[in-house]
């Protein structure tokens, strides 16, 4: 049980770090994705494809 909780917390922390890193890199292009509960949950559950989906969704809808 402790291992599964630790695994989930690790994925959440990595998701936040990925979003923060993406926002740092794309800050000059004004392509920031907000770091909130919904975006962190999407990246935590779907990993890389979730992140790419968020980027694509943002580019299609808000640019």
PDB file of N, CA and C in Angstrom:
ATOM      1  N   UNK A   1       0.823  -1.183   0.000  1.00  0.00           N
ATOM      2  CA  UNK A   1       0.000   0.000   0.000  1.00  0.00           C
ATOM      3  C   UNK A   1       0.870   1.251   0.000  1.00  0.00           C
ATOM      4  N   UNK A   2       1.914   1.257   0.803  1.00  0.00           N
ATOM      5  CA  UNK A   2       2.806   2.405   0.870  1.00  0.00           C
ATOM      6  C   UNK A   2       3.523   2.624  -0.457  1.00  0.00           C
ATOM      7  N   UNK A   3       3.867   1.523  -1.145  1.00  0.00           N
ATOM      8  CA  UNK A   3       4.536   1.631  -2.435  1.00  0.00           C
ATOM      9  C   UNK A   3       3.643   2.287  -3.474  1.00  0.00           C
ATOM     10  N   UNK A   4       2.363   1.946  -3.473  1.00  0.00           N
ATOM     11  CA  UNK A   4       1.454   2.535  -4.462  1.00  0.00           C
ATOM     12  C   UNK A   4       1.226   4.022  -4.195  1.00  0.00           C
ATOM     13  N   UNK A   5       1.130   4.409  -2.945  1.00  0.00           N
ATOM     14  CA  UNK A   5       0.971   5.828  -2.609  1.00  0.00           C
ATOM     15  C   UNK A   5       2.228   6.595  -3.002  1.00  0.00           C
ATOM     16  N   UNK A   6       3.384   6.025  -2.733  1.00  0.00           N
ATOM     17  CA  UNK A   6       4.645   6.656  -3.095  1.00  0.00           C
ATOM     18  C   UNK A   6       4.776   6.787  -4.613  1.00  0.00           C
ATOM     19  N   UNK A   7       4.329   5.775  -5.346  1.00  0.00           N
ATOM     20  CA  UNK A   7       4.370   5.806  -6.803  1.00  0.00           C
ATOM     21  C   UNK A   7       3.472   6.917  -7.359  1.00  0.00           C
ATOM     22  N   UNK A   8       2.281   7.059  -6.807  1.00  0.00           N
ATOM     23  CA  UNK A   8       1.356   8.101  -7.255  1.00  0.00           C
ATOM     24  C   UNK A   8       1.913   9.485  -6.937  1.00  0.00           C
ATOM     25  N   UNK A   9       2.448   9.670  -5.732  1.00  0.00           N
ATOM     26  CA  UNK A   9       3.037  10.957  -5.374  1.00  0.00           C
ATOM     27  C   UNK A   9       4.227  11.308  -6.265  1.00  0.00           C
ATOM     28  N   UNK A  10       5.021  10.313  -6.622  1.00  0.00           N
ATOM     29  CA  UNK A  10       6.147  10.534  -7.511  1.00  0.00           C
ATOM     30  C   UNK A  10       5.672  10.992  -8.885  1.00  0.00           C
ATOM     31  N   UNK A  11       4.623  10.347  -9.404  1.00  0.00           N
ATOM     32  CA  UNK A  11       4.087  10.739 -10.708  1.00  0.00           C
ATOM     33  C   UNK A  11       3.509  12.149 -10.674  1.00  0.00           C
ATOM     34  N   UNK A  12       2.875  12.521  -9.567  1.00  0.00           N
ATOM     35  CA  UNK A  12       2.317  13.871  -9.439  1.00  0.00           C
ATOM     36  C   UNK A  12       3.437  14.906  -9.425  1.00  0.00           C
ATOM     37  N   UNK A  13       4.494  14.641  -8.677  1.00  0.00           N
ATOM     38  CA  UNK A  13       5.621  15.575  -8.608  1.00  0.00           C
ATOM     39  C   UNK A  13       6.298  15.703  -9.963  1.00  0.00           C
ATOM     40  N   UNK A  14       6.471  14.596 -10.668  1.00  0.00           N
ATOM     41  CA  UNK A  14       7.077  14.642 -11.999  1.00  0.00           C
ATOM     42  C   UNK A  14       6.187  15.414 -12.965  1.00  0.00           C
ATOM     43  N   UNK A  15       4.873  15.255 -12.866  1.00  0.00           N
ATOM     44  CA  UNK A  15       3.945  15.984 -13.725  1.00  0.00           C
ATOM     45  C   UNK A  15       4.066  17.487 -13.505  1.00  0.00           C
ATOM     46  N   UNK A  16       4.158  17.900 -12.260  1.00  0.00           N
ATOM     47  CA  UNK A  16       4.306  19.322 -11.957  1.00  0.00           C
ATOM     48  C   UNK A  16       5.636  19.842 -12.495  1.00  0.00           C
ATOM     49  N   UNK A  17       6.692  19.055 -12.360  1.00  0.00           N
ATOM     50  CA  UNK A  17       7.995  19.475 -12.859  1.00  0.00           C
ATOM     51  C   UNK A  17       8.007  19.589 -14.381  1.00  0.00           C
ATOM     52  N   UNK A  18       7.343  18.670 -15.066  1.00  0.00           N
ATOM     53  CA  UNK A  18       7.265  18.725 -16.533  1.00  0.00           C
ATOM     54  C   UNK A  18       6.523  19.977 -16.979  1.00  0.00           C
ATOM     55  N   UNK A  19       5.393  20.267 -16.346  1.00  0.00           N
ATOM     56  CA  UNK A  19       4.643  21.469 -16.694  1.00  0.00           C
ATOM     57  C   UNK A  19       5.454  22.729 -16.420  1.00  0.00           C
ATOM     58  N   UNK A  20       6.133  22.769 -15.295  1.00  0.00           N
ATOM     59  CA  UNK A  20       6.946  23.931 -14.948  1.00  0.00           C
ATOM     60  C   UNK A  20       8.086  24.109 -15.947  1.00  0.00           C
ATOM     61  N   UNK A  21       8.740  23.024 -16.306  1.00  0.00           N
ATOM     62  CA  UNK A  21       9.823  23.089 -17.292  1.00  0.00           C
ATOM     63  C   UNK A  21       9.328  23.542 -18.651  1.00  0.00           C
ATOM     64  N   UNK A  22       8.186  23.027 -19.071  1.00  0.00           N
ATOM     65  CA  UNK A  22       7.596  23.445 -20.342  1.00  0.00           C
ATOM     66  C   UNK A  22       7.280  24.933 -20.311  1.00  0.00           C
ATOM     67  N   UNK A  23       6.712  25.406 -19.208  1.00  0.00           N
ATOM     68  CA  UNK A  23       6.376  26.825 -19.097  1.00  0.00           C
ATOM     69  C   UNK A  23       7.624  27.698 -19.093  1.00  0.00           C
ATOM     70  N   UNK A  24       8.718  27.228 -18.519  1.00  0.00           N
ATOM     71  CA  UNK A  24       9.967  27.992 -18.555  1.00  0.00           C
ATOM     72  C   UNK A  24      10.515  28.084 -19.975  1.00  0.00           C
ATOM     73  N   UNK A  25      10.466  26.976 -20.705  1.00  0.00           N
ATOM     74  CA  UNK A  25      11.012  26.947 -22.059  1.00  0.00           C
ATOM     75  C   UNK A  25      10.169  27.796 -23.010  1.00  0.00           C
ATOM     76  N   UNK A  26       8.864  27.730 -22.909  1.00  0.00           N
ATOM     77  CA  UNK A  26       7.988  28.409 -23.867  1.00  0.00           C
ATOM     78  C   UNK A  26       7.487  29.756 -23.363  1.00  0.00           C
ATOM     79  N   UNK A  27       8.073  30.272 -22.319  1.00  0.00           N
ATOM     80  CA  UNK A  27       7.648  31.544 -21.750  1.00  0.00           C
ATOM     81  C   UNK A  27       7.816  32.693 -22.750  1.00  0.00           C
ATOM     82  N   UNK A  28       8.879  32.674 -23.505  1.00  0.00           N
ATOM     83  CA  UNK A  28       9.115  33.761 -24.453  1.00  0.00           C
ATOM     84  C   UNK A  28       8.138  33.715 -25.634  1.00  0.00           C
ATOM     85  N   UNK A  29       7.556  32.554 -25.923  1.00  0.00           N
ATOM     86  CA  UNK A  29       6.587  32.418 -27.006  1.00  0.00           C
ATOM     87  C   UNK A  29       5.152  32.595 -26.528  1.00  0.00           C
ATOM     88  N   UNK A  30       4.969  32.819 -25.229  1.00  0.00           N
ATOM     89  CA  UNK A  30       3.646  32.988 -24.625  1.00  0.00           C
ATOM     90  C   UNK A  30       2.757  31.753 -24.849  1.00  0.00           C
ATOM     91  N   UNK A  31       3.314  30.580 -24.638  1.00  0.00           N
ATOM     92  CA  UNK A  31       2.589  29.314 -24.795  1.00  0.00           C
ATOM     93  C   UNK A  31       2.472  28.581 -23.467  1.00  0.00           C
ATOM     94  N   UNK A  32       2.160  29.269 -22.404  1.00  0.00           N
ATOM     95  CA  UNK A  32       2.116  28.665 -21.072  1.00  0.00           C
ATOM     96  C   UNK A  32       0.855  27.843 -20.875  1.00  0.00           C
ATOM     97  N   UNK A  33       1.026  26.683 -20.271  1.00  0.00           N
ATOM     98  CA  UNK A  33      -0.094  25.841 -19.841  1.00  0.00           C
ATOM     99  C   UNK A  33      -0.195  26.014 -18.330  1.00  0.00           C
ATOM    100  N   UNK A  34      -1.355  26.389 -17.822  1.00  0.00           N
ATOM    101  CA  UNK A  34      -1.456  26.624 -16.375  1.00  0.00           C
ATOM    102  C   UNK A  34      -1.227  25.339 -15.570  1.00  0.00           C
ATOM    103  N   UNK A  35      -0.581  25.490 -14.444  1.00  0.00           N
ATOM    104  CA  UNK A  35      -0.364  24.362 -13.539  1.00  0.00           C
ATOM    105  C   UNK A  35      -1.520  24.375 -12.540  1.00  0.00           C
ATOM    106  N   UNK A  36      -2.485  23.492 -12.774  1.00  0.00           N
ATOM    107  CA  UNK A  36      -3.612  23.371 -11.854  1.00  0.00           C
ATOM    108  C   UNK A  36      -3.949  21.892 -11.682  1.00  0.00           C
ATOM    109  N   UNK A  37      -4.959  21.618 -10.924  1.00  0.00           N
ATOM    110  CA  UNK A  37      -5.300  20.229 -10.580  1.00  0.00           C
ATOM    111  C   UNK A  37      -5.646  19.417 -11.826  1.00  0.00           C
ATOM    112  N   UNK A  38      -6.406  19.997 -12.734  1.00  0.00           N
ATOM    113  CA  UNK A  38      -6.849  19.264 -13.924  1.00  0.00           C
ATOM    114  C   UNK A  38      -5.661  18.874 -14.804  1.00  0.00           C
ATOM    115  N   UNK A  39      -4.776  19.826 -15.096  1.00  0.00           N
ATOM    116  CA  UNK A  39      -3.642  19.518 -15.966  1.00  0.00           C
ATOM    117  C   UNK A  39      -2.691  18.513 -15.315  1.00  0.00           C
ATOM    118  N   UNK A  40      -2.495  18.629 -14.019  1.00  0.00           N
ATOM    119  CA  UNK A  40      -1.625  17.675 -13.319  1.00  0.00           C
ATOM    120  C   UNK A  40      -2.236  16.279 -13.329  1.00  0.00           C
ATOM    121  N   UNK A  41      -3.537  16.173 -13.135  1.00  0.00           N
ATOM    122  CA  UNK A  41      -4.207  14.862 -13.169  1.00  0.00           C
ATOM    123  C   UNK A  41      -4.111  14.244 -14.560  1.00  0.00           C
ATOM    124  N   UNK A  42      -4.305  15.054 -15.610  1.00  0.00           N
ATOM    125  CA  UNK A  42      -4.222  14.532 -16.976  1.00  0.00           C
ATOM    126  C   UNK A  42      -2.832  13.981 -17.254  1.00  0.00           C
ATOM    127  N   UNK A  43      -1.796  14.718 -16.879  1.00  0.00           N
ATOM    128  CA  UNK A  43      -0.435  14.239 -17.126  1.00  0.00           C
ATOM    129  C   UNK A  43      -0.096  13.052 -16.230  1.00  0.00           C
ATOM    130  N   UNK A  44      -0.609  13.038 -15.005  1.00  0.00           N
ATOM    131  CA  UNK A  44      -0.344  11.911 -14.101  1.00  0.00           C
ATOM    132  C   UNK A  44      -0.957  10.625 -14.638  1.00  0.00           C
ATOM    133  N   UNK A  45      -2.155  10.701 -15.154  1.00  0.00           N
ATOM    134  CA  UNK A  45      -2.842   9.497 -15.635  1.00  0.00           C
ATOM    135  C   UNK A  45      -2.311   9.041 -16.995  1.00  0.00           C
ATOM    136  N   UNK A  46      -2.141   9.996 -17.932  1.00  0.00           N
ATOM    137  CA  UNK A  46      -1.811   9.629 -19.311  1.00  0.00           C
ATOM    138  C   UNK A  46      -0.342   9.793 -19.679  1.00  0.00           C
ATOM    139  N   UNK A  47       0.485  10.253 -18.756  1.00  0.00           N
ATOM    140  CA  UNK A  47       1.937  10.414 -18.958  1.00  0.00           C
ATOM    141  C   UNK A  47       2.264  11.292 -20.157  1.00  0.00           C
ATOM    142  N   UNK A  48       3.143  10.830 -21.038  1.00  0.00           N
ATOM    143  CA  UNK A  48       3.592  11.611 -22.189  1.00  0.00           C
ATOM    144  C   UNK A  48       2.494  11.982 -23.160  1.00  0.00           C
ATOM    145  N   UNK A  49       1.643  11.034 -23.558  1.00  0.00           N
ATOM    146  CA  UNK A  49       0.558  11.387 -24.476  1.00  0.00           C
ATOM    147  C   UNK A  49      -0.414  12.419 -23.891  1.00  0.00           C
ATOM    148  N   UNK A  50      -0.597  12.409 -22.598  1.00  0.00           N
ATOM    149  CA  UNK A  50      -1.440  13.418 -21.960  1.00  0.00           C
ATOM    150  C   UNK A  50      -0.832  14.796 -22.069  1.00  0.00           C
ATOM    151  N   UNK A  51       0.487  14.874 -21.883  1.00  0.00           N
ATOM    152  CA  UNK A  51       1.185  16.149 -22.017  1.00  0.00           C
ATOM    153  C   UNK A  51       1.113  16.651 -23.450  1.00  0.00           C
ATOM    154  N   UNK A  52       1.382  15.775 -24.403  1.00  0.00           N
ATOM    155  CA  UNK A  52       1.313  16.175 -25.807  1.00  0.00           C
ATOM    156  C   UNK A  52      -0.109  16.568 -26.199  1.00  0.00           C
ATOM    157  N   UNK A  53      -1.100  15.895 -25.630  1.00  0.00           N
ATOM    158  CA  UNK A  53      -2.491  16.261 -25.884  1.00  0.00           C
ATOM    159  C   UNK A  53      -2.819  17.632 -25.340  1.00  0.00           C
ATOM    160  N   UNK A  54      -2.315  17.964 -24.158  1.00  0.00           N
ATOM    161  CA  UNK A  54      -2.530  19.299 -23.599  1.00  0.00           C
ATOM    162  C   UNK A  54      -1.881  20.372 -24.461  1.00  0.00           C
ATOM    163  N   UNK A  55      -0.675  20.106 -24.931  1.00  0.00           N
ATOM    164  CA  UNK A  55       0.011  21.076 -25.787  1.00  0.00           C
ATOM    165  C   UNK A  55      -0.769  21.258 -27.090  1.00  0.00           C
ATOM    166  N   UNK A  56      -1.192  20.156 -27.702  1.00  0.00           N
ATOM    167  CA  UNK A  56      -1.954  20.247 -28.948  1.00  0.00           C
ATOM    168  C   UNK A  56      -3.281  20.963 -28.726  1.00  0.00           C
ATOM    169  N   UNK A  57      -3.962  20.648 -27.641  1.00  0.00           N
ATOM    170  CA  UNK A  57      -5.237  21.299 -27.332  1.00  0.00           C
ATOM    171  C   UNK A  57      -5.049  22.800 -27.163  1.00  0.00           C
ATOM    172  N   UNK A  58      -3.995  23.185 -26.463  1.00  0.00           N
ATOM    173  CA  UNK A  58      -3.739  24.599 -26.272  1.00  0.00           C
ATOM    174  C   UNK A  58      -3.430  25.293 -27.599  1.00  0.00           C
ATOM    175  N   UNK A  59      -2.595  24.664 -28.434  1.00  0.00           N
ATOM    176  CA  UNK A  59      -2.222  25.283 -29.691  1.00  0.00           C
ATOM    177  C   UNK A  59      -3.416  25.411 -30.640  1.00  0.00           C
ATOM    178  N   UNK A  60      -4.285  24.429 -30.651  1.00  0.00           N
ATOM    179  CA  UNK A  60      -5.445  24.468 -31.539  1.00  0.00           C
ATOM    180  C   UNK A  60      -6.475  25.489 -31.059  1.00  0.00           C
ATOM    181  N   UNK A  61      -6.718  25.553 -29.765  1.00  0.00           N
ATOM    182  CA  UNK A  61      -7.810  26.368 -29.259  1.00  0.00           C
ATOM    183  C   UNK A  61      -7.427  27.782 -28.861  1.00  0.00           C
ATOM    184  N   UNK A  62      -6.207  28.029 -28.468  1.00  0.00           N
ATOM    185  CA  UNK A  62      -5.878  29.333 -27.906  1.00  0.00           C
ATOM    186  C   UNK A  62      -4.848  30.106 -28.692  1.00  0.00           C
ATOM    187  N   UNK A  63      -4.463  29.674 -29.879  1.00  0.00           N
ATOM    188  CA  UNK A  63      -3.509  30.411 -30.697  1.00  0.00           C
ATOM    189  C   UNK A  63      -4.148  30.934 -31.917  1.00  0.00           C
TER     190      UNK A  63
END
